């Protein structure tokens, strides 16, 4: 039995999406972004092809973490030297680099290969509400995970 794929030109039609992270829960937003980057929402999806869209995330500093993750969730990086492991808690990361909260969550949901690295390059995350990609005419994407902001 033979497998039929759509034409390559149809597979490579990539659109641009803008996602507002204000009031969104980190994990739920990251799964939606990862789905768009991998192209799993398209009819021509193949796990070995990069068919995903470009995603722009704005207002990264307003992302929400549920429970005690603000103080308990830790991010580690390792320099390669003995004793070179560095730990950063989520609230410290939010203060210094809020974009990395979303980037690390999405990166963990993509394939760990050159395909995943290529898909990750299509993610653009910005701290504020503006971005330099207006020329691409991105479509606003509504993600339905919004919750009421506390206090």
Protein backbone atom coordinates (compact mmCIF):
# COMPACT_ATOMS: atom_id res chain seq x y z
CA UNK A 1 0.00 0.00 0.00
CA UNK A 2 1.46 3.35 -0.99
CA UNK A 3 1.36 6.53 1.04
CA UNK A 4 0.40 9.80 -0.61
CA UNK A 5 1.66 13.16 0.57
CA UNK A 6 0.39 16.59 -0.41
CA UNK A 7 2.58 18.58 -2.77
CA UNK A 8 5.64 20.16 -1.18
CA UNK A 9 4.40 23.66 -2.00
CA UNK A 10 1.23 22.96 0.02
CA UNK A 11 3.26 21.64 2.96
CA UNK A 12 5.52 24.68 3.10
CA UNK A 13 2.78 27.31 3.24
CA UNK A 14 3.64 28.78 6.60
CA UNK A 15 1.48 31.34 8.28
CA UNK A 16 2.33 33.64 11.17
CA UNK A 17 0.39 33.72 14.43
CA UNK A 18 0.46 36.23 17.30
CA UNK A 19 -0.39 34.91 20.76
CA UNK A 20 -0.99 37.22 23.72
CA UNK A 21 0.35 35.57 26.89
CA UNK A 22 -1.41 37.99 29.24
CA UNK A 23 -3.33 35.94 31.81
CA UNK A 24 -2.49 32.59 30.16
CA UNK A 25 -1.28 29.53 32.07
CA UNK A 26 2.27 28.62 31.04
CA UNK A 27 1.89 24.89 30.34
CA UNK A 28 -1.41 25.13 28.50
CA UNK A 29 -0.14 27.95 26.33
CA UNK A 30 3.11 26.07 25.62
CA UNK A 31 1.24 22.98 24.38
CA UNK A 32 -0.77 25.09 21.94
CA UNK A 33 2.40 26.81 20.69
CA UNK A 34 4.23 23.48 20.31
CA UNK A 35 1.32 22.11 18.27
CA UNK A 36 1.53 25.08 15.90
CA UNK A 37 5.32 24.85 15.58
CA UNK A 38 5.25 21.13 14.72
CA UNK A 39 2.32 21.49 12.30
CA UNK A 40 0.19 18.84 14.01
CA UNK A 41 -2.93 20.90 13.38
CA UNK A 42 -2.48 20.71 9.57
CA UNK A 43 -3.84 17.93 7.35
CA UNK A 44 -0.42 17.36 5.74
CA UNK A 45 1.36 16.65 9.04
CA UNK A 46 4.21 14.17 8.96
CA UNK A 47 6.38 13.57 12.05
CA UNK A 48 9.59 13.76 10.01
CA UNK A 49 8.83 17.03 8.16
CA UNK A 50 8.89 20.62 9.38
CA UNK A 51 5.40 21.72 8.36
CA UNK A 52 4.67 24.08 11.25
CA UNK A 53 3.88 27.77 11.35
CA UNK A 54 5.71 30.73 12.86
CA UNK A 55 4.49 31.86 16.30
CA UNK A 56 5.01 35.26 17.93
CA UNK A 57 4.31 35.51 21.67
CA UNK A 58 3.84 38.95 23.24
CA UNK A 59 3.43 39.99 26.90
CA UNK A 60 5.65 37.17 28.15
CA UNK A 61 6.06 38.83 31.54
CA UNK A 62 2.32 38.44 32.23
CA UNK A 63 2.26 34.63 31.96
CA UNK A 64 0.73 32.81 34.93
CA UNK A 65 2.12 29.91 36.92
CA UNK A 66 -0.33 27.92 39.01
CA UNK A 67 0.14 26.61 42.52
CA UNK A 68 3.53 27.15 44.16
CA UNK A 69 5.48 26.99 40.89
CA UNK A 70 6.49 30.65 41.19
CA UNK A 71 8.74 29.78 44.15
CA UNK A 72 9.31 26.03 43.69
CA UNK A 73 9.91 25.56 39.95
CA UNK A 74 13.64 25.60 39.18
CA UNK A 75 15.59 25.87 35.93
CA UNK A 76 19.08 24.39 35.75
CA UNK A 77 21.98 25.04 33.42
CA UNK A 78 25.41 23.46 33.44
CA UNK A 79 28.66 25.03 32.27
CA UNK A 80 30.43 21.70 31.81
CA UNK A 81 32.89 22.31 34.63
CA UNK A 82 32.84 20.59 38.04
CA UNK A 83 30.53 22.55 40.30
CA UNK A 84 29.25 24.49 37.30
CA UNK A 85 25.53 23.83 37.75
CA UNK A 86 23.38 26.94 38.16
CA UNK A 87 19.85 26.98 39.54
CA UNK A 88 17.34 29.72 38.79
CA UNK A 89 13.89 29.82 40.41
CA UNK A 90 10.88 30.83 38.28
CA UNK A 91 10.33 34.21 39.96
CA UNK A 92 13.99 35.12 39.38
CA UNK A 93 13.69 34.06 35.75
CA UNK A 94 10.53 36.17 35.39
CA UNK A 95 12.39 39.21 36.70
CA UNK A 96 15.48 38.84 34.53
CA UNK A 97 14.30 37.04 31.35
CA UNK A 98 10.53 36.37 31.24
CA UNK A 99 10.81 35.22 27.62
CA UNK A 100 12.81 32.19 28.72
CA UNK A 101 9.89 30.84 30.79
CA UNK A 102 7.90 30.30 27.60
CA UNK A 103 10.91 29.27 25.50
CA UNK A 104 12.00 26.55 27.95
CA UNK A 105 8.44 25.19 28.27
CA UNK A 106 7.99 24.98 24.49
CA UNK A 107 11.50 23.60 23.85
CA UNK A 108 10.77 20.69 26.17
CA UNK A 109 7.71 19.78 24.09
CA UNK A 110 9.50 19.67 20.73
CA UNK A 111 11.51 16.76 19.32
CA UNK A 112 15.08 16.45 20.62
CA UNK A 113 16.71 16.44 17.16
CA UNK A 114 17.70 18.79 14.36
CA UNK A 115 14.02 18.85 13.36
CA UNK A 116 13.07 20.14 16.81
CA UNK A 117 15.80 22.78 16.67
CA UNK A 118 14.51 23.95 13.28
CA UNK A 119 10.96 24.12 14.63
CA UNK A 120 12.09 26.07 17.70
CA UNK A 121 13.65 28.75 15.49
CA UNK A 122 10.15 29.68 14.32
CA UNK A 123 9.20 30.82 17.84
CA UNK A 124 9.63 34.50 18.68
CA UNK A 125 8.91 35.60 22.25
CA UNK A 126 8.78 39.24 23.39
CA UNK A 127 8.52 40.76 26.85
CA UNK A 128 6.17 43.62 25.97
CA UNK A 129 3.17 44.02 23.72
CA UNK A 130 5.08 45.07 20.59
CA UNK A 131 7.01 42.99 18.07
CA UNK A 132 8.99 43.75 14.88
CA UNK A 133 7.14 41.25 12.65
CA UNK A 134 4.28 43.43 11.39
CA UNK A 135 5.47 43.01 7.78
CA UNK A 136 4.58 39.29 7.92
CA UNK A 137 0.94 40.20 8.69
CA UNK A 138 0.50 37.73 11.57
CA UNK A 139 -2.99 36.59 12.45
CA UNK A 140 -4.11 36.98 16.05
CA UNK A 141 -4.61 33.57 17.62
CA UNK A 142 -7.03 33.17 20.50
CA UNK A 143 -5.96 30.56 23.03
CA UNK A 144 -8.83 29.59 25.31
CA UNK A 145 -6.83 28.94 28.48
CA UNK A 146 -7.27 32.43 29.92
CA UNK A 147 -8.09 32.64 33.61
CA UNK A 148 -9.03 35.55 35.82
CA UNK A 149 -5.98 37.33 37.20
CA UNK A 150 -5.70 37.07 40.98
CA UNK A 151 -6.12 40.27 43.00
